[in-house]
């Protein structure tokens, strides 16, 4: 059974609110597309863990734990997913040739069941294990918010690049139309 959950401190809550605002500012979400978890839902997630969760994770749940627009779209990161992610990790660990261990880890999210994101007991870093790549646990960030900011930055760059390419392709199509080639 999990230790009694503690709720996020003011510093982590301020960082979660700052991250929420960044999602709004970058267009990843509108205000009505962001929702946090209730205290009862946070307690349910914390009860799944066998150790206290990092404060930053609790703050994320409080401010953004139910939905965050298009951020992490397609990933099982939002409540109630963290309640079942341990089972996805167990499924991967049970497969032949996999070396994922589930002890002393809290699996808080997944991507289509073949990638699982987790914390290790007593450590603030975020890790991922990808099915089919035994022995290749990757550290994604030094802390939960460090990882979230990195994902947000990369997602924003990818979105900007996609928009730039669309604009370039449309300019080429317009030129070809003007020249009678389309």
C-alpha atoms as a PDB file:
ATOM      1  CA  UNK A   1       0.000   0.000   0.000  1.00  0.00           C
ATOM      2  CA  UNK A   2       1.183   3.494  -0.786  1.00  0.00           C
ATOM      3  CA  UNK A   3       2.244   5.915   1.910  1.00  0.00           C
ATOM      4  CA  UNK A   4      -0.248   8.670   2.698  1.00  0.00           C
ATOM      5  CA  UNK A   5      -0.016  11.107  -0.206  1.00  0.00           C
ATOM      6  CA  UNK A   6       1.274  14.581   0.293  1.00  0.00           C
ATOM      7  CA  UNK A   7      -0.047  17.317  -1.885  1.00  0.00           C
ATOM      8  CA  UNK A   8       2.160  19.577  -3.960  1.00  0.00           C
ATOM      9  CA  UNK A   9       4.044  22.402  -2.335  1.00  0.00           C
ATOM     10  CA  UNK A  10       3.629  26.005  -3.453  1.00  0.00           C
ATOM     11  CA  UNK A  11       6.824  25.988  -5.540  1.00  0.00           C
ATOM     12  CA  UNK A  12       5.700  22.996  -7.598  1.00  0.00           C
ATOM     13  CA  UNK A  13       2.187  24.405  -7.950  1.00  0.00           C
ATOM     14  CA  UNK A  14       3.604  27.702  -9.248  1.00  0.00           C
ATOM     15  CA  UNK A  15       5.691  25.773 -11.797  1.00  0.00           C
ATOM     16  CA  UNK A  16       2.608  23.791 -12.854  1.00  0.00           C
ATOM     17  CA  UNK A  17       0.676  27.042 -13.305  1.00  0.00           C
ATOM     18  CA  UNK A  18       3.580  28.507 -15.291  1.00  0.00           C
ATOM     19  CA  UNK A  19       3.551  25.416 -17.513  1.00  0.00           C
ATOM     20  CA  UNK A  20      -0.232  25.681 -17.893  1.00  0.00           C
ATOM     21  CA  UNK A  21       0.182  29.278 -19.036  1.00  0.00           C
ATOM     22  CA  UNK A  22       2.850  28.235 -21.551  1.00  0.00           C
ATOM     23  CA  UNK A  23       0.438  25.705 -23.053  1.00  0.00           C
ATOM     24  CA  UNK A  24      -2.122  28.477 -23.411  1.00  0.00           C
ATOM     25  CA  UNK A  25       0.416  30.941 -24.849  1.00  0.00           C
ATOM     26  CA  UNK A  26       1.735  28.474 -27.431  1.00  0.00           C
ATOM     27  CA  UNK A  27      -1.713  27.330 -28.510  1.00  0.00           C
ATOM     28  CA  UNK A  28      -1.339  23.736 -27.339  1.00  0.00           C
ATOM     29  CA  UNK A  29      -4.495  24.281 -25.311  1.00  0.00           C
ATOM     30  CA  UNK A  30      -7.303  26.677 -24.592  1.00  0.00           C
ATOM     31  CA  UNK A  31      -8.477  27.338 -21.054  1.00  0.00           C
ATOM     32  CA  UNK A  32     -11.429  24.963 -21.427  1.00  0.00           C
ATOM     33  CA  UNK A  33      -9.103  22.203 -22.706  1.00  0.00           C
ATOM     34  CA  UNK A  34      -7.085  22.125 -19.472  1.00  0.00           C
ATOM     35  CA  UNK A  35      -8.303  20.397 -16.336  1.00  0.00           C
ATOM     36  CA  UNK A  36      -6.594  19.201 -13.203  1.00  0.00           C
ATOM     37  CA  UNK A  37      -7.395  16.290 -10.958  1.00  0.00           C
ATOM     38  CA  UNK A  38      -9.381  16.512  -7.759  1.00  0.00           C
ATOM     39  CA  UNK A  39      -7.657  15.795  -4.458  1.00  0.00           C
ATOM     40  CA  UNK A  40      -9.453  12.438  -4.396  1.00  0.00           C
ATOM     41  CA  UNK A  41      -8.130  11.556  -7.875  1.00  0.00           C
ATOM     42  CA  UNK A  42      -4.602  12.567  -6.860  1.00  0.00           C
ATOM     43  CA  UNK A  43      -4.947  10.334  -3.792  1.00  0.00           C
ATOM     44  CA  UNK A  44      -6.028   7.454  -6.031  1.00  0.00           C
ATOM     45  CA  UNK A  45      -2.951   7.903  -8.247  1.00  0.00           C
ATOM     46  CA  UNK A  46      -0.644   8.223  -5.242  1.00  0.00           C
ATOM     47  CA  UNK A  47      -2.155   5.047  -3.765  1.00  0.00           C
ATOM     48  CA  UNK A  48      -0.993   3.075  -6.815  1.00  0.00           C
ATOM     49  CA  UNK A  49       2.625   4.010  -6.077  1.00  0.00           C
ATOM     50  CA  UNK A  50       4.631   2.080  -3.502  1.00  0.00           C
ATOM     51  CA  UNK A  51       6.604   5.211  -2.585  1.00  0.00           C
ATOM     52  CA  UNK A  52       5.909   8.942  -2.355  1.00  0.00           C
ATOM     53  CA  UNK A  53       5.585  10.519  -5.785  1.00  0.00           C
ATOM     54  CA  UNK A  54       7.768  13.478  -6.757  1.00  0.00           C
ATOM     55  CA  UNK A  55       6.112  16.737  -5.784  1.00  0.00           C
ATOM     56  CA  UNK A  56       6.265  17.943  -9.394  1.00  0.00           C
ATOM     57  CA  UNK A  57       4.157  14.974 -10.481  1.00  0.00           C
ATOM     58  CA  UNK A  58       1.549  15.783  -7.838  1.00  0.00           C
ATOM     59  CA  UNK A  59       1.484  19.427  -8.990  1.00  0.00           C
ATOM     60  CA  UNK A  60       1.038  18.324 -12.616  1.00  0.00           C
ATOM     61  CA  UNK A  61      -1.893  16.159 -11.576  1.00  0.00           C
ATOM     62  CA  UNK A  62      -3.456  19.033  -9.617  1.00  0.00           C
ATOM     63  CA  UNK A  63      -3.218  21.561 -12.470  1.00  0.00           C
ATOM     64  CA  UNK A  64      -3.171  19.499 -15.697  1.00  0.00           C
ATOM     65  CA  UNK A  65      -3.825  15.892 -14.685  1.00  0.00           C
ATOM     66  CA  UNK A  66      -7.087  15.341 -16.567  1.00  0.00           C
ATOM     67  CA  UNK A  67      -6.393  17.074 -19.874  1.00  0.00           C
ATOM     68  CA  UNK A  68      -4.046  19.595 -21.465  1.00  0.00           C
ATOM     69  CA  UNK A  69      -5.289  20.299 -24.968  1.00  0.00           C
ATOM     70  CA  UNK A  70      -3.146  18.721 -27.666  1.00  0.00           C
ATOM     71  CA  UNK A  71      -0.131  18.382 -25.370  1.00  0.00           C
ATOM     72  CA  UNK A  72       0.649  14.670 -24.978  1.00  0.00           C
ATOM     73  CA  UNK A  73      -2.129  13.860 -27.426  1.00  0.00           C
ATOM     74  CA  UNK A  74      -2.079  10.126 -28.102  1.00  0.00           C
ATOM     75  CA  UNK A  75      -0.189   9.376 -24.900  1.00  0.00           C
ATOM     76  CA  UNK A  76      -1.788   7.746 -21.878  1.00  0.00           C
ATOM     77  CA  UNK A  77      -0.715  10.486 -19.483  1.00  0.00           C
ATOM     78  CA  UNK A  78      -3.962  11.839 -18.105  1.00  0.00           C
ATOM     79  CA  UNK A  79      -6.226  10.583 -15.362  1.00  0.00           C
ATOM     80  CA  UNK A  80      -7.311   7.818 -15.092  1.00  0.00           C
ATOM     81  CA  UNK A  81      -4.461   6.339 -17.208  1.00  0.00           C
ATOM     82  CA  UNK A  82      -1.840   6.430 -14.399  1.00  0.00           C
ATOM     83  CA  UNK A  83      -4.054   4.017 -12.456  1.00  0.00           C
ATOM     84  CA  UNK A  84      -3.564   1.321 -15.115  1.00  0.00           C
ATOM     85  CA  UNK A  85      -0.101   1.996 -16.511  1.00  0.00           C
ATOM     86  CA  UNK A  86       1.555  -0.429 -14.088  1.00  0.00           C
ATOM     87  CA  UNK A  87      -0.387  -3.213 -15.822  1.00  0.00           C
ATOM     88  CA  UNK A  88       0.971  -2.107 -19.213  1.00  0.00           C
ATOM     89  CA  UNK A  89       4.485  -2.231 -17.756  1.00  0.00           C
ATOM     90  CA  UNK A  90       3.845  -5.690 -16.320  1.00  0.00           C
ATOM     91  CA  UNK A  91       2.678  -6.834 -19.746  1.00  0.00           C
ATOM     92  CA  UNK A  92       5.901  -5.622 -21.338  1.00  0.00           C
ATOM     93  CA  UNK A  93       8.007  -7.145 -18.552  1.00  0.00           C
ATOM     94  CA  UNK A  94       6.329 -10.538 -19.077  1.00  0.00           C
ATOM     95  CA  UNK A  95       7.247 -10.670 -22.775  1.00  0.00           C
ATOM     96  CA  UNK A  96      10.155 -12.925 -23.807  1.00  0.00           C
ATOM     97  CA  UNK A  97      13.400 -11.028 -24.260  1.00  0.00           C
ATOM     98  CA  UNK A  98      12.324  -7.968 -22.272  1.00  0.00           C
ATOM     99  CA  UNK A  99      14.245  -6.948 -19.171  1.00  0.00           C
ATOM    100  CA  UNK A 100      11.975  -4.307 -17.717  1.00  0.00           C
ATOM    101  CA  UNK A 101      11.653  -4.551 -13.959  1.00  0.00           C
ATOM    102  CA  UNK A 102       8.602  -3.079 -12.286  1.00  0.00           C
ATOM    103  CA  UNK A 103       9.717  -3.099  -8.654  1.00  0.00           C
ATOM    104  CA  UNK A 104      10.388   0.278  -7.023  1.00  0.00           C
ATOM    105  CA  UNK A 105       9.034   2.123 -10.064  1.00  0.00           C
ATOM    106  CA  UNK A 106       5.905   4.168 -10.612  1.00  0.00           C
ATOM    107  CA  UNK A 107       4.644   4.009 -14.188  1.00  0.00           C
ATOM    108  CA  UNK A 108       2.647   7.177 -14.771  1.00  0.00           C
ATOM    109  CA  UNK A 109       2.076   7.096 -18.520  1.00  0.00           C
ATOM    110  CA  UNK A 110       2.506   5.179 -21.737  1.00  0.00           C
ATOM    111  CA  UNK A 111       2.420   5.570 -25.483  1.00  0.00           C
ATOM    112  CA  UNK A 112       0.251   2.961 -27.196  1.00  0.00           C
ATOM    113  CA  UNK A 113       1.324   0.387 -24.634  1.00  0.00           C
ATOM    114  CA  UNK A 114       4.842  -0.118 -26.015  1.00  0.00           C
ATOM    115  CA  UNK A 115       6.540   2.792 -24.253  1.00  0.00           C
ATOM    116  CA  UNK A 116       6.157   3.293 -20.519  1.00  0.00           C
ATOM    117  CA  UNK A 117       7.187   6.422 -18.611  1.00  0.00           C
ATOM    118  CA  UNK A 118       8.196   6.089 -14.984  1.00  0.00           C
ATOM    119  CA  UNK A 119       9.912   7.315 -11.838  1.00  0.00           C
ATOM    120  CA  UNK A 120      12.214   5.205  -9.732  1.00  0.00           C
ATOM    121  CA  UNK A 121      11.891   5.169  -5.963  1.00  0.00           C
ATOM    122  CA  UNK A 122      13.781   8.043  -4.366  1.00  0.00           C
ATOM    123  CA  UNK A 123      14.726   9.697  -7.665  1.00  0.00           C
ATOM    124  CA  UNK A 124      13.224  12.774  -9.356  1.00  0.00           C
ATOM    125  CA  UNK A 125      14.255  11.835 -12.926  1.00  0.00           C
ATOM    126  CA  UNK A 126      11.828  10.677 -15.605  1.00  0.00           C
ATOM    127  CA  UNK A 127      12.616   7.489 -17.507  1.00  0.00           C
ATOM    128  CA  UNK A 128      11.151   5.582 -20.447  1.00  0.00           C
ATOM    129  CA  UNK A 129      11.351   1.938 -21.456  1.00  0.00           C
ATOM    130  CA  UNK A 130      10.489   0.979 -25.033  1.00  0.00           C
ATOM    131  CA  UNK A 131       9.306  -2.544 -25.719  1.00  0.00           C
ATOM    132  CA  UNK A 132      11.685  -4.402 -28.003  1.00  0.00           C
ATOM    133  CA  UNK A 133      14.733  -2.509 -26.723  1.00  0.00           C
ATOM    134  CA  UNK A 134      15.850  -4.431 -23.633  1.00  0.00           C
ATOM    135  CA  UNK A 135      18.598  -2.838 -21.621  1.00  0.00           C
ATOM    136  CA  UNK A 136      17.892   0.621 -23.068  1.00  0.00           C
ATOM    137  CA  UNK A 137      16.155   2.536 -20.322  1.00  0.00           C
ATOM    138  CA  UNK A 138      16.464   6.194 -21.237  1.00  0.00           C
ATOM    139  CA  UNK A 139      16.517   9.093 -18.831  1.00  0.00           C
ATOM    140  CA  UNK A 140      14.259  11.746 -20.366  1.00  0.00           C
ATOM    141  CA  UNK A 141      14.729  14.505 -17.831  1.00  0.00           C
ATOM    142  CA  UNK A 142      16.353  15.399 -14.538  1.00  0.00           C
ATOM    143  CA  UNK A 143      12.919  16.225 -13.109  1.00  0.00           C
ATOM    144  CA  UNK A 144       9.291  15.971 -14.140  1.00  0.00           C
ATOM    145  CA  UNK A 145       8.963  19.636 -15.086  1.00  0.00           C
ATOM    146  CA  UNK A 146      12.392  19.599 -16.710  1.00  0.00           C
ATOM    147  CA  UNK A 147      11.083  16.841 -18.953  1.00  0.00           C
ATOM    148  CA  UNK A 148       7.748  18.589 -19.574  1.00  0.00           C
ATOM    149  CA  UNK A 149       9.471  21.829 -20.615  1.00  0.00           C
ATOM    150  CA  UNK A 150      11.747  19.898 -22.973  1.00  0.00           C
ATOM    151  CA  UNK A 151       8.791  18.082 -24.558  1.00  0.00           C
ATOM    152  CA  UNK A 152       6.910  21.371 -24.904  1.00  0.00           C
ATOM    153  CA  UNK A 153       9.891  23.086 -26.534  1.00  0.00           C
ATOM    154  CA  UNK A 154      10.465  20.217 -28.970  1.00  0.00           C
ATOM    155  CA  UNK A 155       6.756  20.003 -29.778  1.00  0.00           C
ATOM    156  CA  UNK A 156       6.629  23.736 -30.446  1.00  0.00           C
ATOM    157  CA  UNK A 157       9.659  23.538 -32.754  1.00  0.00           C
ATOM    158  CA  UNK A 158       8.121  20.598 -34.594  1.00  0.00           C
ATOM    159  CA  UNK A 159       4.830  22.442 -34.981  1.00  0.00           C
ATOM    160  CA  UNK A 160       6.593  25.572 -36.258  1.00  0.00           C
ATOM    161  CA  UNK A 161       8.603  23.495 -38.736  1.00  0.00           C
ATOM    162  CA  UNK A 162       5.442  21.768 -39.950  1.00  0.00           C
ATOM    163  CA  UNK A 163       3.685  25.113 -40.410  1.00  0.00           C
ATOM    164  CA  UNK A 164       6.700  26.502 -42.280  1.00  0.00           C
ATOM    165  CA  UNK A 165       6.771  23.500 -44.611  1.00  0.00           C
ATOM    166  CA  UNK A 166       3.040  23.783 -45.269  1.00  0.00           C
ATOM    167  CA  UNK A 167       3.443  27.441 -46.172  1.00  0.00           C
ATOM    168  CA  UNK A 168       6.380  26.625 -48.476  1.00  0.00           C
ATOM    169  CA  UNK A 169       4.431  23.817 -50.158  1.00  0.00           C
ATOM    170  CA  UNK A 170       1.415  26.071 -50.655  1.00  0.00           C
ATOM    171  CA  UNK A 171       3.644  28.769 -52.196  1.00  0.00           C
ATOM    172  CA  UNK A 172       5.065  26.175 -54.617  1.00  0.00           C
ATOM    173  CA  UNK A 173       1.533  24.980 -55.513  1.00  0.00           C
ATOM    174  CA  UNK A 174       0.407  28.546 -56.149  1.00  0.00           C
ATOM    175  CA  UNK A 175       3.435  29.179 -58.352  1.00  0.00           C
ATOM    176  CA  UNK A 176       2.770  25.983 -60.297  1.00  0.00           C
ATOM    177  CA  UNK A 177      -0.887  26.977 -60.759  1.00  0.00           C
ATOM    178  CA  UNK A 178       0.182  30.404 -61.998  1.00  0.00           C
ATOM    179  CA  UNK A 179       2.518  28.731 -64.500  1.00  0.00           C
ATOM    180  CA  UNK A 180      -0.223  26.326 -65.615  1.00  0.00           C
ATOM    181  CA  UNK A 181       1.607  23.273 -64.292  1.00  0.00           C
ATOM    182  CA  UNK A 182      -1.239  22.258 -61.987  1.00  0.00           C
END
